Amino acid sequence: MGVITREQLVLSADAYEASVAAGGVVDTYCSSLPWIDAALTAFAPNALPFVIQTDSGFAPLALRAGSLRWVAPWEASWGLTSAMVGADMDRLAGDVVDELLARRADWDALFLSGLARHGAAFQGLVRRLHGRFRLGASSPSARCVASLDGGADGFLARRSPKFRKSLRQAERANDGRIAFLVERNVGPARAAEIYAAILAIEALSWKGREGVGITDGPMRVFYGEMIPRLAAAGRLRVTWATVEGVKVGYVLGGVFGDSYRGLQFSFDATYAELSVGNLMQWATIRALCDEGIAHYDLGSEMEYKLRWAERRVESVALVVR
């Protein structure tokens, strides 16, 4: 067991990603290196990262200093990133607790997120910390996940009649006015062009016009950092909506293993009456089915996403004081 730096973890990317995929991680995409490394730069630039590495896996954590000194995963904004990744989560929990206790003078609280409430990681941490600290569980963070089993036809068969009717009506209303293009396996140079096009569309969307999109602040940094990392790993996926060759909408996502994580989507508000959002989602799903992707993770729970998904996945954080 030892502690390595952020730079050393990046150099050990293959071993780290294998630990994410080894089982026991609730949200693999949001625990993967492109997500957590980009989040650390965007949302916690002043945090002090350290990575606990053992034979059982990794725990990329960071100390955030203020009125309260607290340790959390590199991304703690949504509570989706797993505090630990590895095959033997119970053993890894013991190693993580040992290291954190050795650093006890440095922190006042722990926020160990992204864990299954009844899973080996959460229970292993509780068993080792009970009686020494005040322990609690956060409110659950929920995601919506759709199965792509059976391809596009199978996906549609699992939707409600109302959903299928609405999608057919949107396709008829579009009548070829908007075309859809899916990009994958792009290089770093193309990734920069993709992000520039995304930001241009975002500025014309309702989110951009109301100042709640990704065109400014830490969110702009976050995706600006993540997109090149995904492109370099061959895991970037983008669906474009175009009108007469001009891009008017996008769906941005990334792949981890046999799952696709939807990250952001927006479209020029001028075309709202053409159901661009739903048609882009449908074009994305058909492309993912053709690629052999098994699951579409739509991300944090929202009402509209429940119509596209069958499964609700929850994780919690163990809060230690």
C-alpha atoms as a PDB file:
ATOM      1  CA  MET A   1       0.000   0.000   0.000  1.00  0.00           C
ATOM      2  CA  GLY A   2       1.159   3.522  -0.744  1.00  0.00           C
ATOM      3  CA  VAL A   3       0.191   7.014  -1.802  1.00  0.00           C
ATOM      4  CA  ILE A   4       0.849   8.269  -5.316  1.00  0.00           C
ATOM      5  CA  THR A   5       0.427  11.663  -6.939  1.00  0.00           C
ATOM      6  CA  ARG A   6      -2.108  12.874  -9.464  1.00  0.00           C
ATOM      7  CA  GLU A   7       0.556  12.737 -12.164  1.00  0.00           C
ATOM      8  CA  GLN A   8       1.425   9.155 -11.260  1.00  0.00           C
ATOM      9  CA  LEU A   9      -2.235   8.137 -11.451  1.00  0.00           C
ATOM     10  CA  VAL A  10      -2.510   9.606 -14.952  1.00  0.00           C
ATOM     11  CA  LEU A  11       0.519   7.531 -15.939  1.00  0.00           C
ATOM     12  CA  SER A  12      -1.198   4.465 -14.423  1.00  0.00           C
ATOM     13  CA  ALA A  13      -4.426   5.148 -16.346  1.00  0.00           C
ATOM     14  CA  ASP A  14      -4.810   1.612 -17.727  1.00  0.00           C
ATOM     15  CA  ALA A  15      -4.490  -0.010 -14.292  1.00  0.00           C
ATOM     16  CA  TYR A  16      -6.827   2.536 -12.750  1.00  0.00           C
ATOM     17  CA  GLU A  17      -9.515   2.120 -15.427  1.00  0.00           C
ATOM     18  CA  ALA A  18      -9.264  -1.670 -15.059  1.00  0.00           C
ATOM     19  CA  SER A  19      -9.978  -1.225 -11.344  1.00  0.00           C
ATOM     20  CA  VAL A  20     -13.034   0.913 -12.185  1.00  0.00           C
ATOM     21  CA  ALA A  21     -14.317  -1.884 -14.429  1.00  0.00           C
ATOM     22  CA  ALA A  22     -13.514  -4.680 -11.968  1.00  0.00           C
ATOM     23  CA  GLY A  23     -16.882  -4.589 -10.227  1.00  0.00           C
ATOM     24  CA  GLY A  24     -18.388  -2.885  -7.219  1.00  0.00           C
ATOM     25  CA  VAL A  25     -18.398   0.638  -8.681  1.00  0.00           C
ATOM     26  CA  VAL A  26     -21.914   2.069  -8.988  1.00  0.00           C
ATOM     27  CA  ASP A  27     -21.121   4.738 -11.594  1.00  0.00           C
ATOM     28  CA  THR A  28     -18.186   3.603 -13.701  1.00  0.00           C
ATOM     29  CA  TYR A  29     -18.172   6.553 -16.099  1.00  0.00           C
ATOM     30  CA  CYS A  30     -18.161   9.197 -13.352  1.00  0.00           C
ATOM     31  CA  SER A  31     -15.394   7.289 -11.591  1.00  0.00           C
ATOM     32  CA  SER A  32     -13.233   7.058 -14.715  1.00  0.00           C
ATOM     33  CA  LEU A  33     -10.137   9.190 -15.202  1.00  0.00           C
ATOM     34  CA  PRO A  34     -11.419  11.628 -17.861  1.00  0.00           C
ATOM     35  CA  TRP A  35     -14.286  12.647 -15.560  1.00  0.00           C
ATOM     36  CA  ILE A  36     -12.434  12.896 -12.244  1.00  0.00           C
ATOM     37  CA  ASP A  37      -9.284  14.543 -13.603  1.00  0.00           C
ATOM     38  CA  ALA A  38     -11.298  17.180 -15.484  1.00  0.00           C
ATOM     39  CA  ALA A  39     -13.468  17.784 -12.404  1.00  0.00           C
ATOM     40  CA  LEU A  40     -10.459  18.357 -10.167  1.00  0.00           C
ATOM     41  CA  THR A  41      -9.147  21.040 -12.533  1.00  0.00           C
ATOM     42  CA  ALA A  42     -12.533  22.717 -13.012  1.00  0.00           C
ATOM     43  CA  PHE A  43     -14.183  22.529  -9.604  1.00  0.00           C
ATOM     44  CA  ALA A  44     -11.410  22.087  -7.052  1.00  0.00           C
ATOM     45  CA  PRO A  45      -8.248  23.719  -8.425  1.00  0.00           C
ATOM     46  CA  ASN A  46      -6.999  24.528  -4.925  1.00  0.00           C
ATOM     47  CA  ALA A  47      -7.592  21.070  -3.457  1.00  0.00           C
ATOM     48  CA  LEU A  48      -4.629  18.878  -2.548  1.00  0.00           C
ATOM     49  CA  PRO A  49      -5.034  15.540  -4.379  1.00  0.00           C
ATOM     50  CA  PHE A  50      -3.568  12.269  -3.196  1.00  0.00           C
ATOM     51  CA  VAL A  51      -4.227   8.718  -4.377  1.00  0.00           C
ATOM     52  CA  ILE A  52      -4.232   5.679  -2.136  1.00  0.00           C
ATOM     53  CA  GLN A  53      -3.010   2.713  -4.210  1.00  0.00           C
ATOM     54  CA  THR A  54      -3.083  -0.855  -2.935  1.00  0.00           C
ATOM     55  CA  ASP A  55      -3.138  -4.353  -4.365  1.00  0.00           C
ATOM     56  CA  SER A  56      -6.931  -4.084  -4.164  1.00  0.00           C
ATOM     57  CA  GLY A  57      -7.391  -0.884  -6.151  1.00  0.00           C
ATOM     58  CA  PHE A  58      -7.283   2.896  -5.904  1.00  0.00           C
ATOM     59  CA  ALA A  59      -8.848   5.739  -3.929  1.00  0.00           C
ATOM     60  CA  PRO A  60      -8.271   9.112  -5.666  1.00  0.00           C
ATOM     61  CA  LEU A  61      -9.046  11.627  -2.932  1.00  0.00           C
ATOM     62  CA  ALA A  62      -8.384  15.304  -2.314  1.00  0.00           C
ATOM     63  CA  LEU A  63      -8.160  17.492   0.771  1.00  0.00           C
ATOM     64  CA  ARG A  64     -10.236  20.639   0.566  1.00  0.00           C
ATOM     65  CA  ALA A  65      -9.289  23.281   3.105  1.00  0.00           C
ATOM     66  CA  GLY A  66     -11.512  25.988   4.563  1.00  0.00           C
ATOM     67  CA  SER A  67     -13.357  26.448   7.833  1.00  0.00           C
ATOM     68  CA  LEU A  68     -13.652  22.654   7.678  1.00  0.00           C
ATOM     69  CA  ARG A  69     -10.882  20.457   6.284  1.00  0.00           C
ATOM     70  CA  TRP A  70     -12.582  17.655   4.402  1.00  0.00           C
ATOM     71  CA  VAL A  71     -11.488  14.783   2.210  1.00  0.00           C
ATOM     72  CA  ALA A  72     -13.590  13.703  -0.779  1.00  0.00           C
ATOM     73  CA  PRO A  73     -13.127  12.186  -4.250  1.00  0.00           C
ATOM     74  CA  TRP A  74     -11.727  14.463  -6.937  1.00  0.00           C
ATOM     75  CA  GLU A  75     -15.282  15.181  -8.126  1.00  0.00           C
ATOM     76  CA  ALA A  76     -17.660  15.891  -5.266  1.00  0.00           C
ATOM     77  CA  SER A  77     -20.192  18.220  -6.937  1.00  0.00           C
ATOM     78  CA  TRP A  78     -22.738  15.543  -7.892  1.00  0.00           C
ATOM     79  CA  GLY A  79     -21.729  12.794  -5.481  1.00  0.00           C
ATOM     80  CA  LEU A  80     -21.487  10.222  -8.270  1.00  0.00           C
ATOM     81  CA  THR A  81     -17.742   9.513  -8.270  1.00  0.00           C
ATOM     82  CA  SER A  82     -16.800   6.449  -6.244  1.00  0.00           C
ATOM     83  CA  ALA A  83     -14.370   7.133  -3.417  1.00  0.00           C
ATOM     84  CA  MET A  84     -12.778   3.740  -4.122  1.00  0.00           C
ATOM     85  CA  VAL A  85     -12.402   1.535  -7.190  1.00  0.00           C
ATOM     86  CA  GLY A  86     -11.262  -2.066  -7.246  1.00  0.00           C
ATOM     87  CA  ALA A  87     -12.211  -5.727  -7.311  1.00  0.00           C
ATOM     88  CA  ASP A  88     -12.071  -6.423  -3.543  1.00  0.00           C
ATOM     89  CA  MET A  89     -13.932  -3.466  -2.053  1.00  0.00           C
ATOM     90  CA  ASP A  90     -13.953  -4.761   1.520  1.00  0.00           C
ATOM     91  CA  ARG A  91     -10.200  -5.213   1.600  1.00  0.00           C
ATOM     92  CA  LEU A  92      -9.728  -1.873  -0.147  1.00  0.00           C
ATOM     93  CA  ALA A  93     -11.928  -0.210   2.490  1.00  0.00           C
ATOM     94  CA  GLY A  94      -9.542  -1.466   5.167  1.00  0.00           C
ATOM     95  CA  ASP A  95      -6.526  -0.103   3.313  1.00  0.00           C
ATOM     96  CA  VAL A  96      -8.214   3.284   2.778  1.00  0.00           C
ATOM     97  CA  VAL A  97      -9.186   3.578   6.444  1.00  0.00           C
ATOM     98  CA  ASP A  98      -5.641   2.717   7.540  1.00  0.00           C
ATOM     99  CA  GLU A  99      -4.185   5.441   5.332  1.00  0.00           C
ATOM    100  CA  LEU A 100      -6.776   8.039   6.335  1.00  0.00           C
ATOM    101  CA  LEU A 101      -6.198   7.322  10.025  1.00  0.00           C
ATOM    102  CA  ALA A 102      -2.471   7.749   9.471  1.00  0.00           C
ATOM    103  CA  ARG A 103      -3.340  11.222   8.114  1.00  0.00           C
ATOM    104  CA  ARG A 104      -5.819  11.981  10.891  1.00  0.00           C
ATOM    105  CA  ALA A 105      -4.150  15.276  11.848  1.00  0.00           C
ATOM    106  CA  ASP A 106      -4.852  16.663   8.353  1.00  0.00           C
ATOM    107  CA  TRP A 107      -8.658  16.414   8.167  1.00  0.00           C
ATOM    108  CA  ASP A 108     -11.843  17.113  10.097  1.00  0.00           C
ATOM    109  CA  ALA A 109     -14.370  15.249   7.943  1.00  0.00           C
ATOM    110  CA  LEU A 110     -14.694  12.707   5.138  1.00  0.00           C
ATOM    111  CA  PHE A 111     -17.215  12.664   2.303  1.00  0.00           C
ATOM    112  CA  LEU A 112     -16.781   9.251   0.670  1.00  0.00           C
ATOM    113  CA  SER A 113     -19.267   9.300  -2.181  1.00  0.00           C
ATOM    114  CA  GLY A 114     -20.523   7.117  -5.016  1.00  0.00           C
ATOM    115  CA  LEU A 115     -21.094   3.988  -2.901  1.00  0.00           C
ATOM    116  CA  ALA A 116     -23.892   1.436  -2.885  1.00  0.00           C
ATOM    117  CA  ARG A 117     -25.672   1.792   0.479  1.00  0.00           C
ATOM    118  CA  HIS A 118     -25.551  -1.950   1.128  1.00  0.00           C
ATOM    119  CA  GLY A 119     -22.400  -2.666  -0.869  1.00  0.00           C
ATOM    120  CA  ALA A 120     -19.056  -3.998   0.313  1.00  0.00           C
ATOM    121  CA  ALA A 121     -17.310  -0.623   0.182  1.00  0.00           C
ATOM    122  CA  PHE A 122     -19.854   1.275   2.289  1.00  0.00           C
ATOM    123  CA  GLN A 123     -20.278  -1.534   4.792  1.00  0.00           C
ATOM    124  CA  GLY A 124     -16.534  -2.130   5.015  1.00  0.00           C
ATOM    125  CA  LEU A 125     -15.898   1.524   5.795  1.00  0.00           C
ATOM    126  CA  VAL A 126     -18.679   1.643   8.390  1.00  0.00           C
ATOM    127  CA  ARG A 127     -17.422  -1.498  10.128  1.00  0.00           C
ATOM    128  CA  ARG A 128     -13.924  -0.055  10.497  1.00  0.00           C
ATOM    129  CA  LEU A 129     -14.940   3.504  11.442  1.00  0.00           C
ATOM    130  CA  HIS A 130     -17.892   2.766  13.732  1.00  0.00           C
ATOM    131  CA  GLY A 131     -17.226   3.836  17.320  1.00  0.00           C
ATOM    132  CA  ARG A 132     -14.399   6.170  16.361  1.00  0.00           C
ATOM    133  CA  PHE A 133     -16.358   8.883  14.518  1.00  0.00           C
ATOM    134  CA  ARG A 134     -19.865  10.140  13.913  1.00  0.00           C
ATOM    135  CA  LEU A 135     -21.126   8.419  10.761  1.00  0.00           C
ATOM    136  CA  GLY A 136     -24.008   9.220   8.453  1.00  0.00           C
ATOM    137  CA  ALA A 137     -25.232   8.606   4.924  1.00  0.00           C
ATOM    138  CA  SER A 138     -26.031  11.389   2.482  1.00  0.00           C
ATOM    139  CA  SER A 139     -29.275  11.604   0.556  1.00  0.00           C
ATOM    140  CA  PRO A 140     -29.095   9.266  -2.446  1.00  0.00           C
ATOM    141  CA  SER A 141     -27.804  10.469  -5.804  1.00  0.00           C
ATOM    142  CA  ALA A 142     -29.926   8.853  -8.521  1.00  0.00           C
ATOM    143  CA  ARG A 143     -29.297   8.180 -12.212  1.00  0.00           C
ATOM    144  CA  CYS A 144     -31.541   6.943 -15.023  1.00  0.00           C
ATOM    145  CA  VAL A 145     -30.216   4.044 -17.105  1.00  0.00           C
ATOM    146  CA  ALA A 146     -31.776   2.548 -20.244  1.00  0.00           C
ATOM    147  CA  SER A 147     -31.144  -0.938 -21.583  1.00  0.00           C
ATOM    148  CA  LEU A 148     -30.253  -1.230 -25.262  1.00  0.00           C
ATOM    149  CA  ASP A 149     -30.854  -4.970 -25.267  1.00  0.00           C
ATOM    150  CA  GLY A 150     -32.513  -6.016 -28.500  1.00  0.00           C
ATOM    151  CA  GLY A 151     -31.213  -2.995 -30.375  1.00  0.00           C
ATOM    152  CA  ALA A 152     -33.334  -0.017 -31.390  1.00  0.00           C
ATOM    153  CA  ASP A 153     -36.453  -2.166 -31.797  1.00  0.00           C
ATOM    154  CA  GLY A 154     -35.982  -3.647 -28.332  1.00  0.00           C
ATOM    155  CA  PHE A 155     -35.518  -0.194 -26.855  1.00  0.00           C
ATOM    156  CA  LEU A 156     -38.738   1.054 -28.456  1.00  0.00           C
ATOM    157  CA  ALA A 157     -40.647  -2.029 -27.345  1.00  0.00           C
ATOM    158  CA  ARG A 158     -39.897  -1.099 -23.734  1.00  0.00           C
ATOM    159  CA  ARG A 159     -41.262   2.438 -24.126  1.00  0.00           C
ATOM    160  CA  SER A 160     -44.870   3.397 -23.524  1.00  0.00           C
ATOM    161  CA  PRO A 161     -47.354   3.607 -26.423  1.00  0.00           C
ATOM    162  CA  LYS A 162     -47.541   7.369 -25.837  1.00  0.00           C
ATOM    163  CA  PHE A 163     -43.740   7.656 -26.128  1.00  0.00           C
ATOM    164  CA  ARG A 164     -43.646   5.684 -29.385  1.00  0.00           C
ATOM    165  CA  LYS A 165     -46.501   7.698 -30.865  1.00  0.00           C
ATOM    166  CA  SER A 166     -44.824  10.989 -29.952  1.00  0.00           C
ATOM    167  CA  LEU A 167     -41.541   9.879 -31.545  1.00  0.00           C
ATOM    168  CA  ARG A 168     -43.278   8.793 -34.774  1.00  0.00           C
ATOM    169  CA  GLN A 169     -45.070  12.145 -34.950  1.00  0.00           C
ATOM    170  CA  ALA A 170     -41.785  14.002 -34.459  1.00  0.00           C
ATOM    171  CA  GLU A 171     -40.151  12.016 -37.276  1.00  0.00           C
ATOM    172  CA  ARG A 172     -43.041  12.773 -39.634  1.00  0.00           C
ATOM    173  CA  ALA A 173     -43.001  16.477 -38.718  1.00  0.00           C
ATOM    174  CA  ASN A 174     -39.258  16.669 -39.308  1.00  0.00           C
ATOM    175  CA  ASP A 175     -39.622  15.066 -42.771  1.00  0.00           C
ATOM    176  CA  GLY A 176     -35.899  15.254 -43.449  1.00  0.00           C
ATOM    177  CA  ARG A 177     -35.544  18.936 -42.595  1.00  0.00           C
ATOM    178  CA  ILE A 178     -32.950  18.082 -39.940  1.00  0.00           C
ATOM    179  CA  ALA A 179     -30.235  15.520 -40.630  1.00  0.00           C
ATOM    180  CA  PHE A 180     -28.246  13.670 -37.963  1.00  0.00           C
ATOM    181  CA  LEU A 181     -24.574  12.746 -37.925  1.00  0.00           C
ATOM    182  CA  VAL A 182     -22.690  10.708 -35.304  1.00  0.00           C
ATOM    183  CA  GLU A 183     -18.959  11.147 -34.727  1.00  0.00           C
ATOM    184  CA  ARG A 184     -16.684   8.771 -32.842  1.00  0.00           C
ATOM    185  CA  ASN A 185     -12.999   7.816 -32.755  1.00  0.00           C
ATOM    186  CA  VAL A 186     -11.850  11.385 -33.348  1.00  0.00           C
ATOM    187  CA  GLY A 187      -8.365  12.714 -32.606  1.00  0.00           C
ATOM    188  CA  PRO A 188      -7.302  15.545 -30.265  1.00  0.00           C
ATOM    189  CA  ALA A 189      -7.275  18.172 -33.041  1.00  0.00           C
ATOM    190  CA  ARG A 190     -10.857  17.343 -34.006  1.00  0.00           C
ATOM    191  CA  ALA A 191     -11.835  17.382 -30.316  1.00  0.00           C
ATOM    192  CA  ALA A 192     -10.992  21.096 -30.126  1.00  0.00           C
ATOM    193  CA  GLU A 193     -13.153  21.798 -33.173  1.00  0.00           C
ATOM    194  CA  ILE A 194     -15.996  19.761 -31.679  1.00  0.00           C
ATOM    195  CA  TYR A 195     -15.952  21.735 -28.450  1.00  0.00           C
ATOM    196  CA  ALA A 196     -15.948  25.047 -30.320  1.00  0.00           C
ATOM    197  CA  ALA A 197     -19.028  23.918 -32.281  1.00  0.00           C
ATOM    198  CA  ILE A 198     -20.739  22.729 -29.094  1.00  0.00           C
ATOM    199  CA  LEU A 199     -20.201  26.097 -27.409  1.00  0.00           C
ATOM    200  CA  ALA A 200     -21.566  27.932 -30.438  1.00  0.00           C
ATOM    201  CA  ILE A 201     -24.772  25.854 -30.351  1.00  0.00           C
ATOM    202  CA  GLU A 202     -25.022  26.162 -26.573  1.00  0.00           C
ATOM    203  CA  ALA A 203     -25.017  29.953 -26.824  1.00  0.00           C
ATOM    204  CA  LEU A 204     -28.139  29.755 -29.045  1.00  0.00           C
ATOM    205  CA  SER A 205     -29.995  27.294 -26.813  1.00  0.00           C
ATOM    206  CA  TRP A 206     -32.440  28.201 -24.051  1.00  0.00           C
ATOM    207  CA  LYS A 207     -29.789  27.212 -21.518  1.00  0.00           C
ATOM    208  CA  GLY A 208     -27.230  29.533 -23.046  1.00  0.00           C
ATOM    209  CA  ARG A 209     -29.711  32.390 -23.308  1.00  0.00           C
ATOM    210  CA  GLU A 210     -30.660  32.000 -19.646  1.00  0.00           C
ATOM    211  CA  GLY A 211     -27.063  31.632 -18.501  1.00  0.00           C
ATOM    212  CA  VAL A 212     -27.392  28.065 -17.211  1.00  0.00           C
ATOM    213  CA  GLY A 213     -25.431  26.238 -19.921  1.00  0.00           C
ATOM    214  CA  ILE A 214     -21.773  25.282 -20.209  1.00  0.00           C
ATOM    215  CA  THR A 215     -20.509  28.392 -21.993  1.00  0.00           C
ATOM    216  CA  ASP A 216     -19.013  30.028 -18.894  1.00  0.00           C
ATOM    217  CA  GLY A 217     -17.305  29.328 -15.591  1.00  0.00           C
ATOM    218  CA  PRO A 218     -16.224  25.963 -14.191  1.00  0.00           C
ATOM    219  CA  MET A 219     -18.605  23.998 -16.435  1.00  0.00           C
ATOM    220  CA  ARG A 220     -16.896  25.365 -19.534  1.00  0.00           C
ATOM    221  CA  VAL A 221     -13.531  24.350 -18.061  1.00  0.00           C
ATOM    222  CA  PHE A 222     -14.874  20.923 -17.067  1.00  0.00           C
ATOM    223  CA  TYR A 223     -15.967  19.906 -20.553  1.00  0.00           C
ATOM    224  CA  GLY A 224     -12.994  21.647 -22.122  1.00  0.00           C
ATOM    225  CA  GLU A 225     -10.766  19.366 -20.060  1.00  0.00           C
ATOM    226  CA  MET A 226     -12.832  16.201 -20.477  1.00  0.00           C
ATOM    227  CA  ILE A 227     -13.458  16.180 -24.229  1.00  0.00           C
ATOM    228  CA  PRO A 228      -9.768  15.906 -25.274  1.00  0.00           C
ATOM    229  CA  ARG A 229      -9.243  13.130 -22.713  1.00  0.00           C
ATOM    230  CA  LEU A 230     -12.176  11.168 -24.130  1.00  0.00           C
ATOM    231  CA  ALA A 231     -10.985  11.731 -27.692  1.00  0.00           C
ATOM    232  CA  ALA A 232      -7.467  10.537 -26.840  1.00  0.00           C
ATOM    233  CA  ALA A 233      -8.929   7.333 -25.376  1.00  0.00           C
ATOM    234  CA  GLY A 234     -11.281   6.765 -28.344  1.00  0.00           C
ATOM    235  CA  ARG A 235     -14.294   7.115 -26.051  1.00  0.00           C
ATOM    236  CA  LEU A 236     -15.838  10.389 -27.274  1.00  0.00           C
ATOM    237  CA  ARG A 237     -19.241  10.242 -28.989  1.00  0.00           C
ATOM    238  CA  VAL A 238     -21.118  13.217 -30.481  1.00  0.00           C
ATOM    239  CA  THR A 239     -24.421  13.356 -32.343  1.00  0.00           C
ATOM    240  CA  TRP A 240     -25.031  16.457 -34.464  1.00  0.00           C
ATOM    241  CA  ALA A 241     -28.302  17.824 -35.782  1.00  0.00           C
ATOM    242  CA  THR A 242     -27.763  19.798 -38.988  1.00  0.00           C
ATOM    243  CA  VAL A 243     -29.916  22.008 -41.205  1.00  0.00           C
ATOM    244  CA  GLU A 244     -28.552  22.528 -44.717  1.00  0.00           C
ATOM    245  CA  GLY A 245     -25.110  21.530 -43.446  1.00  0.00           C
ATOM    246  CA  VAL A 246     -25.156  23.906 -40.459  1.00  0.00           C
ATOM    247  CA  LYS A 247     -24.927  22.371 -36.984  1.00  0.00           C
ATOM    248  CA  VAL A 248     -27.955  23.346 -34.887  1.00  0.00           C
ATOM    249  CA  GLY A 249     -27.874  20.731 -32.106  1.00  0.00           C
ATOM    250  CA  TYR A 250     -25.607  18.248 -30.337  1.00  0.00           C
ATOM    251  CA  VAL A 251     -25.612  15.312 -27.957  1.00  0.00           C
ATOM    252  CA  LEU A 252     -22.285  14.860 -26.174  1.00  0.00           C
ATOM    253  CA  GLY A 253     -21.376  11.603 -24.469  1.00  0.00           C
ATOM    254  CA  GLY A 254     -18.629   9.185 -23.550  1.00  0.00           C
ATOM    255  CA  VAL A 255     -18.227   5.420 -23.494  1.00  0.00           C
ATOM    256  CA  PHE A 256     -16.896   3.246 -20.693  1.00  0.00           C
ATOM    257  CA  GLY A 257     -16.890  -0.484 -21.398  1.00  0.00           C
ATOM    258  CA  ASP A 258     -20.273  -1.458 -22.821  1.00  0.00           C
ATOM    259  CA  SER A 259     -22.032   1.639 -21.437  1.00  0.00           C
ATOM    260  CA  TYR A 260     -22.569   5.099 -22.857  1.00  0.00           C
ATOM    261  CA  ARG A 261     -22.942   8.101 -20.581  1.00  0.00           C
ATOM    262  CA  GLY A 262     -24.892  11.073 -21.912  1.00  0.00           C
ATOM    263  CA  LEU A 263     -23.154  14.249 -20.757  1.00  0.00           C
ATOM    264  CA  GLN A 264     -24.822  17.298 -22.321  1.00  0.00           C
ATOM    265  CA  PHE A 265     -27.216  18.106 -25.127  1.00  0.00           C
ATOM    266  CA  SER A 266     -28.592  21.367 -26.502  1.00  0.00           C
ATOM    267  CA  PHE A 267     -29.986  22.820 -29.708  1.00  0.00           C
ATOM    268  CA  ASP A 268     -30.644  26.183 -31.262  1.00  0.00           C
ATOM    269  CA  ALA A 269     -33.935  27.343 -29.721  1.00  0.00           C
ATOM    270  CA  THR A 270     -35.075  28.472 -33.179  1.00  0.00           C
ATOM    271  CA  TYR A 271     -35.798  24.828 -34.034  1.00  0.00           C
ATOM    272  CA  ALA A 272     -37.623  23.855 -30.842  1.00  0.00           C
ATOM    273  CA  GLU A 273     -40.881  23.076 -32.646  1.00  0.00           C
ATOM    274  CA  LEU A 274     -39.173  20.262 -34.573  1.00  0.00           C
ATOM    275  CA  SER A 275     -38.550  18.127 -31.443  1.00  0.00           C
ATOM    276  CA  VAL A 276     -34.812  18.326 -32.072  1.00  0.00           C
ATOM    277  CA  GLY A 277     -33.932  17.056 -28.597  1.00  0.00           C
ATOM    278  CA  ASN A 278     -35.968  13.871 -28.857  1.00  0.00           C
ATOM    279  CA  LEU A 279     -34.849  13.168 -32.426  1.00  0.00           C
ATOM    280  CA  MET A 280     -31.177  13.636 -31.493  1.00  0.00           C
ATOM    281  CA  GLN A 281     -31.609  11.240 -28.579  1.00  0.00           C
ATOM    282  CA  TRP A 282     -33.224   8.692 -30.903  1.00  0.00           C
ATOM    283  CA  ALA A 283     -30.439   9.068 -33.481  1.00  0.00           C
ATOM    284  CA  THR A 284     -27.897   8.588 -30.682  1.00  0.00           C
ATOM    285  CA  ILE A 285     -29.604   5.435 -29.441  1.00  0.00           C
ATOM    286  CA  ARG A 286     -29.733   3.898 -32.930  1.00  0.00           C
ATOM    287  CA  ALA A 287     -26.013   4.590 -33.396  1.00  0.00           C
ATOM    288  CA  LEU A 288     -25.171   3.105 -29.982  1.00  0.00           C
ATOM    289  CA  CYS A 289     -27.173  -0.030 -30.811  1.00  0.00           C
ATOM    290  CA  ASP A 290     -25.300  -0.374 -34.103  1.00  0.00           C
ATOM    291  CA  GLU A 291     -22.039  -0.082 -32.151  1.00  0.00           C
ATOM    292  CA  GLY A 292     -23.070  -2.812 -29.707  1.00  0.00           C
ATOM    293  CA  ILE A 293     -23.380  -0.621 -26.616  1.00  0.00           C
ATOM    294  CA  ALA A 294     -25.528  -2.317 -23.959  1.00  0.00           C
ATOM    295  CA  HIS A 295     -26.580   0.551 -21.691  1.00  0.00           C
ATOM    296  CA  TYR A 296     -27.399   4.239 -22.042  1.00  0.00           C
ATOM    297  CA  ASP A 297     -26.770   6.105 -18.793  1.00  0.00           C
ATOM    298  CA  LEU A 298     -28.733   9.353 -19.025  1.00  0.00           C
ATOM    299  CA  GLY A 299     -27.151  10.736 -15.855  1.00  0.00           C
ATOM    300  CA  SER A 300     -28.712  12.437 -12.849  1.00  0.00           C
ATOM    301  CA  GLU A 301     -32.430  11.815 -12.423  1.00  0.00           C
ATOM    302  CA  MET A 302     -34.803  14.232 -14.142  1.00  0.00           C
ATOM    303  CA  GLU A 303     -38.457  13.673 -14.979  1.00  0.00           C
ATOM    304  CA  TYR A 304     -38.023  13.550 -18.765  1.00  0.00           C
ATOM    305  CA  LYS A 305     -35.241  10.967 -18.460  1.00  0.00           C
ATOM    306  CA  LEU A 306     -37.570   8.514 -16.751  1.00  0.00           C
ATOM    307  CA  ARG A 307     -39.459   8.162 -20.036  1.00  0.00           C
ATOM    308  CA  TRP A 308     -36.250   7.052 -21.772  1.00  0.00           C
ATOM    309  CA  ALA A 309     -35.003   4.652 -19.100  1.00  0.00           C
ATOM    310  CA  GLU A 310     -36.145   1.545 -17.222  1.00  0.00           C
ATOM    311  CA  ARG A 311     -33.742   1.569 -14.308  1.00  0.00           C
ATOM    312  CA  ARG A 312     -33.032   3.992 -11.492  1.00  0.00           C
ATOM    313  CA  VAL A 313     -29.575   3.570  -9.906  1.00  0.00           C
ATOM    314  CA  GLU A 314     -28.738   5.099  -6.529  1.00  0.00           C
ATOM    315  CA  SER A 315     -25.523   5.749  -4.640  1.00  0.00           C
ATOM    316  CA  VAL A 316     -24.777   7.520  -1.384  1.00  0.00           C
ATOM    317  CA  ALA A 317     -21.862   9.108   0.413  1.00  0.00           C
ATOM    318  CA  LEU A 318     -20.587   8.026   3.801  1.00  0.00           C
ATOM    319  CA  VAL A 319     -20.122  11.198   5.862  1.00  0.00           C
ATOM    320  CA  VAL A 320     -17.554  10.907   8.648  1.00  0.00           C
ATOM    321  CA  ARG A 321     -17.109  13.527  11.399  1.00  0.00           C
END
